[in-house]
C-alpha atoms as a PDB file:
ATOM      1  CA  MET A   1      24.942-127.381 -17.471  1.00  0.00           C
ATOM      2  CA  ARG A   2      24.339-130.074 -14.896  1.00  0.00           C
ATOM      3  CA  LEU A   3      25.878-129.614 -11.488  1.00  0.00           C
ATOM      4  CA  LYS A   4      27.139-132.628  -9.563  1.00  0.00           C
ATOM      5  CA  LYS A   5      24.850-133.927  -6.822  1.00  0.00           C
ATOM      6  CA  ALA A   6      27.313-132.838  -4.083  1.00  0.00           C
ATOM      7  CA  GLU A   7      27.590-129.348  -5.633  1.00  0.00           C
ATOM      8  CA  THR A   8      23.810-129.056  -5.778  1.00  0.00           C
ATOM      9  CA  GLU A   9      23.468-130.039  -2.122  1.00  0.00           C
ATOM     10  CA  LEU A  10      26.102-127.531  -0.979  1.00  0.00           C
ATOM     11  CA  ILE A  11      24.389-124.751  -2.965  1.00  0.00           C
ATOM     12  CA  ARG A  12      20.908-125.678  -1.750  1.00  0.00           C
ATOM     13  CA  LEU A  13      21.936-125.609   1.919  1.00  0.00           C
ATOM     14  CA  ALA A  14      24.141-122.501   1.739  1.00  0.00           C
ATOM     15  CA  ARG A  15      23.011-119.479   3.737  1.00  0.00           C
ATOM     16  CA  VAL A  16      25.579-117.215   2.068  1.00  0.00           C
ATOM     17  CA  CYS A  17      27.905-117.259  -0.936  1.00  0.00           C
ATOM     18  CA  ARG A  18      30.277-114.796  -2.575  1.00  0.00           C
ATOM     19  CA  GLU A  19      29.297-113.085  -5.803  1.00  0.00           C
ATOM     20  CA  SER A  20      31.894-111.552  -8.132  1.00  0.00           C
ATOM     21  CA  THR A  21      31.436-109.123 -10.994  1.00  0.00           C
ATOM     22  CA  ALA A  22      33.757-106.645 -12.706  1.00  0.00           C
ATOM     23  CA  ASP A  23      33.291-102.890 -12.984  1.00  0.00           C
ATOM     24  CA  ARG A  24      33.700-100.929 -16.220  1.00  0.00           C
ATOM     25  CA  ALA A  25      37.476-100.717 -15.670  1.00  0.00           C
ATOM     26  CA  GLY A  26      37.644-104.497 -15.213  1.00  0.00           C
ATOM     27  CA  LYS A  27      38.286-104.264 -11.473  1.00  0.00           C
ATOM     28  CA  PRO A  28      36.759-107.131  -9.470  1.00  0.00           C
ATOM     29  CA  HIS A  29      33.874-106.552  -7.090  1.00  0.00           C
ATOM     30  CA  CYS A  30      33.168-109.425  -4.667  1.00  0.00           C
ATOM     31  CA  VAL A  31      30.422-109.358  -2.021  1.00  0.00           C
ATOM     32  CA  PRO A  32      28.450-111.865   0.065  1.00  0.00           C
ATOM     33  CA  VAL A  33      24.858-112.577  -0.970  1.00  0.00           C
ATOM     34  CA  CYS A  34      22.070-114.814   0.357  1.00  0.00           C
ATOM     35  CA  PRO A  35      21.130-117.278  -2.397  1.00  0.00           C
ATOM     36  CA  VAL A  36      18.208-119.521  -3.183  1.00  0.00           C
ATOM     37  CA  PHE A  37      18.485-122.391  -5.681  1.00  0.00           C
ATOM     38  CA  ASP A  38      15.575-123.760  -7.727  1.00  0.00           C
ATOM     39  CA  GLY A  39      17.509-126.749  -9.091  1.00  0.00           C
ATOM     40  CA  LYS A  40      18.606-124.952 -12.278  1.00  0.00           C
ATOM     41  CA  ARG A  41      19.343-121.342 -11.435  1.00  0.00           C
ATOM     42  CA  ILE A  42      20.601-119.447  -8.410  1.00  0.00           C
ATOM     43  CA  TYR A  43      18.909-116.231  -7.281  1.00  0.00           C
ATOM     44  CA  PHE A  44      19.602-113.477  -4.784  1.00  0.00           C
ATOM     45  CA  GLY A  45      18.083-110.107  -4.001  1.00  0.00           C
ATOM     46  CA  THR A  46      19.739-106.714  -3.836  1.00  0.00           C
ATOM     47  CA  ALA A  47      19.063-102.993  -4.016  1.00  0.00           C
ATOM     48  CA  LYS A  48      18.465-101.822  -7.570  1.00  0.00           C
ATOM     49  CA  ALA A  49      21.153 -99.149  -7.049  1.00  0.00           C
ATOM     50  CA  ALA A  50      23.807-101.658  -5.860  1.00  0.00           C
ATOM     51  CA  LYS A  51      27.156-101.650  -7.643  1.00  0.00           C
ATOM     52  CA  LYS A  52      26.714-105.313  -8.609  1.00  0.00           C
ATOM     53  CA  VAL A  53      23.556-104.423 -10.574  1.00  0.00           C
ATOM     54  CA  GLY A  54      25.394-101.770 -12.598  1.00  0.00           C
ATOM     55  CA  ASN A  55      28.241-104.193 -13.227  1.00  0.00           C
ATOM     56  CA  ILE A  56      25.814-106.884 -14.431  1.00  0.00           C
ATOM     57  CA  ARG A  57      24.047-104.413 -16.742  1.00  0.00           C
ATOM     58  CA  ARG A  58      27.391-103.757 -18.464  1.00  0.00           C
ATOM     59  CA  ASN A  59      28.699-107.324 -18.313  1.00  0.00           C
ATOM     60  CA  PRO A  60      26.451-110.263 -17.367  1.00  0.00           C
ATOM     61  CA  ASN A  61      29.391-112.620 -16.726  1.00  0.00           C
ATOM     62  CA  MET A  62      29.578-113.432 -13.047  1.00  0.00           C
ATOM     63  CA  ALA A  63      31.001-116.000 -10.623  1.00  0.00           C
ATOM     64  CA  LEU A  64      29.662-117.415  -7.365  1.00  0.00           C
ATOM     65  CA  VAL A  65      31.655-119.253  -4.699  1.00  0.00           C
ATOM     66  CA  PHE A  66      30.006-121.547  -2.156  1.00  0.00           C
ATOM     67  CA  ASP A  67      32.403-122.940   0.420  1.00  0.00           C
ATOM     68  CA  GLU A  68      32.735-124.443   3.874  1.00  0.00           C
ATOM     69  CA  TYR A  69      35.863-123.675   5.850  1.00  0.00           C
ATOM     70  CA  SER A  70      37.514-126.062   8.285  1.00  0.00           C
ATOM     71  CA  GLU A  71      40.686-125.800  10.336  1.00  0.00           C
ATOM     72  CA  ALA A  72      41.360-129.314   9.030  1.00  0.00           C
ATOM     73  CA  TRP A  73      42.274-128.265   5.512  1.00  0.00           C
ATOM     74  CA  SER A  74      41.732-131.774   4.201  1.00  0.00           C
ATOM     75  CA  ALA A  75      38.031-131.172   4.952  1.00  0.00           C
ATOM     76  CA  LEU A  76      37.735-127.931   2.938  1.00  0.00           C
ATOM     77  CA  ARG A  77      34.980-128.077   0.361  1.00  0.00           C
ATOM     78  CA  GLY A  78      33.370-125.757  -2.084  1.00  0.00           C
ATOM     79  CA  VAL A  79      32.363-124.932  -5.615  1.00  0.00           C
ATOM     80  CA  MET A  80      33.077-121.971  -7.872  1.00  0.00           C
ATOM     81  CA  ILE A  81      30.528-121.454 -10.613  1.00  0.00           C
ATOM     82  CA  GLN A  82      30.886-119.211 -13.638  1.00  0.00           C
ATOM     83  CA  GLY A  83      27.815-118.135 -15.532  1.00  0.00           C
ATOM     84  CA  GLU A  84      25.538-115.380 -16.746  1.00  0.00           C
ATOM     85  CA  ALA A  85      23.359-113.083 -14.709  1.00  0.00           C
ATOM     86  CA  LYS A  86      20.036-111.533 -15.586  1.00  0.00           C
ATOM     87  CA  ILE A  87      18.347-108.720 -13.649  1.00  0.00           C
ATOM     88  CA  MET A  88      14.698-109.133 -12.647  1.00  0.00           C
ATOM     89  CA  GLU A  89      12.966-105.935 -11.475  1.00  0.00           C
ATOM     90  CA  GLN A  90       9.261-106.741 -11.456  1.00  0.00           C
ATOM     91  CA  GLY A  91       6.554-109.093 -12.593  1.00  0.00           C
ATOM     92  CA  PRO A  92       5.372-112.612 -11.759  1.00  0.00           C
ATOM     93  CA  GLY A  93       8.882-114.105 -11.959  1.00  0.00           C
ATOM     94  CA  PHE A  94      10.205-111.480  -9.542  1.00  0.00           C
ATOM     95  CA  ARG A  95       7.370-112.169  -7.097  1.00  0.00           C
ATOM     96  CA  LYS A  96       7.825-115.965  -7.328  1.00  0.00           C
ATOM     97  CA  ILE A  97      11.551-115.800  -6.526  1.00  0.00           C
ATOM     98  CA  ARG A  98      10.974-113.162  -3.848  1.00  0.00           C
ATOM     99  CA  ARG A  99       8.679-115.670  -2.106  1.00  0.00           C
ATOM    100  CA  LEU A 100      11.417-118.351  -2.296  1.00  0.00           C
ATOM    101  CA  LEU A 101      13.898-115.902  -0.746  1.00  0.00           C
ATOM    102  CA  TYR A 102      11.426-114.890   1.988  1.00  0.00           C
ATOM    103  CA  ASP A 103      10.728-118.558   2.759  1.00  0.00           C
ATOM    104  CA  LYS A 104      14.434-119.382   3.100  1.00  0.00           C
ATOM    105  CA  TYR A 105      15.332-116.150   4.922  1.00  0.00           C
ATOM    106  CA  PRO A 106      12.327-115.051   7.041  1.00  0.00           C
ATOM    107  CA  GLN A 107      14.221-111.952   8.221  1.00  0.00           C
ATOM    108  CA  TYR A 108      14.302-110.651   4.623  1.00  0.00           C
ATOM    109  CA  GLU A 109      10.648-109.616   4.503  1.00  0.00           C
ATOM    110  CA  LYS A 110      10.832-107.173   7.419  1.00  0.00           C
ATOM    111  CA  GLY A 111      14.566-106.412   7.597  1.00  0.00           C
ATOM    112  CA  ALA A 112      15.348-105.840   3.915  1.00  0.00           C
ATOM    113  CA  PRO A 113      12.152-106.173   1.861  1.00  0.00           C
ATOM    114  CA  LEU A 114      12.500-106.760  -1.856  1.00  0.00           C
ATOM    115  CA  ASP A 115      10.092-104.219  -3.319  1.00  0.00           C
ATOM    116  CA  GLU A 116       9.380-104.073  -7.029  1.00  0.00           C
ATOM    117  CA  GLY A 117      10.845-100.839  -8.339  1.00  0.00           C
ATOM    118  CA  ASP A 118      13.415-100.432  -5.552  1.00  0.00           C
ATOM    119  CA  SER A 119      14.986-103.887  -5.574  1.00  0.00           C
ATOM    120  CA  ALA A 120      16.381-106.331  -8.080  1.00  0.00           C
ATOM    121  CA  ILE A 121      16.564-110.093  -8.059  1.00  0.00           C
ATOM    122  CA  ILE A 122      19.562-111.514  -9.853  1.00  0.00           C
ATOM    123  CA  GLU A 123      18.988-114.733 -11.792  1.00  0.00           C
ATOM    124  CA  PHE A 124      22.258-116.621 -12.272  1.00  0.00           C
ATOM    125  CA  THR A 125      22.536-119.389 -14.858  1.00  0.00           C
ATOM    126  CA  PRO A 126      25.532-121.701 -14.264  1.00  0.00           C
ATOM    127  CA  LYS A 127      27.749-122.381 -17.291  1.00  0.00           C
ATOM    128  CA  LYS A 128      30.874-123.952 -15.752  1.00  0.00           C
ATOM    129  CA  SER A 129      31.808-125.247 -12.298  1.00  0.00           C
ATOM    130  CA  PHE A 130      34.938-126.230 -10.420  1.00  0.00           C
ATOM    131  CA  SER A 131      34.642-127.934  -7.041  1.00  0.00           C
ATOM    132  CA  TRP A 132      36.970-129.180  -4.317  1.00  0.00           C
ATOM    133  CA  GLY A 133      36.430-131.592  -1.469  1.00  0.00           C
ATOM    134  CA  LEU A 134      33.054-132.707  -2.833  1.00  0.00           C
END
């Protein structure tokens, strides 16, 4: 799917978004993640043992929310994107996206390194979006 230009810009500049999956009982699990956008897909790193990884293994359907809050509610803006997630654990693709994450978030490399074998990079492919204030 093609995202609107304003949606793309909000995603590209975002330092954090909220990621939602469902556990095996269908209960929602929503956590903040630090994304990077390559123009088509959205990626973020996590521990391989994280609950979100197990949820994605069972059900790749996922949602991301990027938003900007304002006390002036007429200025609220954001986008909710539904799509499919894929888990990357190693290889050239993992290393390429890891470099994009390290470039956007310099603290990642020393503070929470994404090591092949211990970490996962989630590749999110947007399928449907809904935006407000954009």
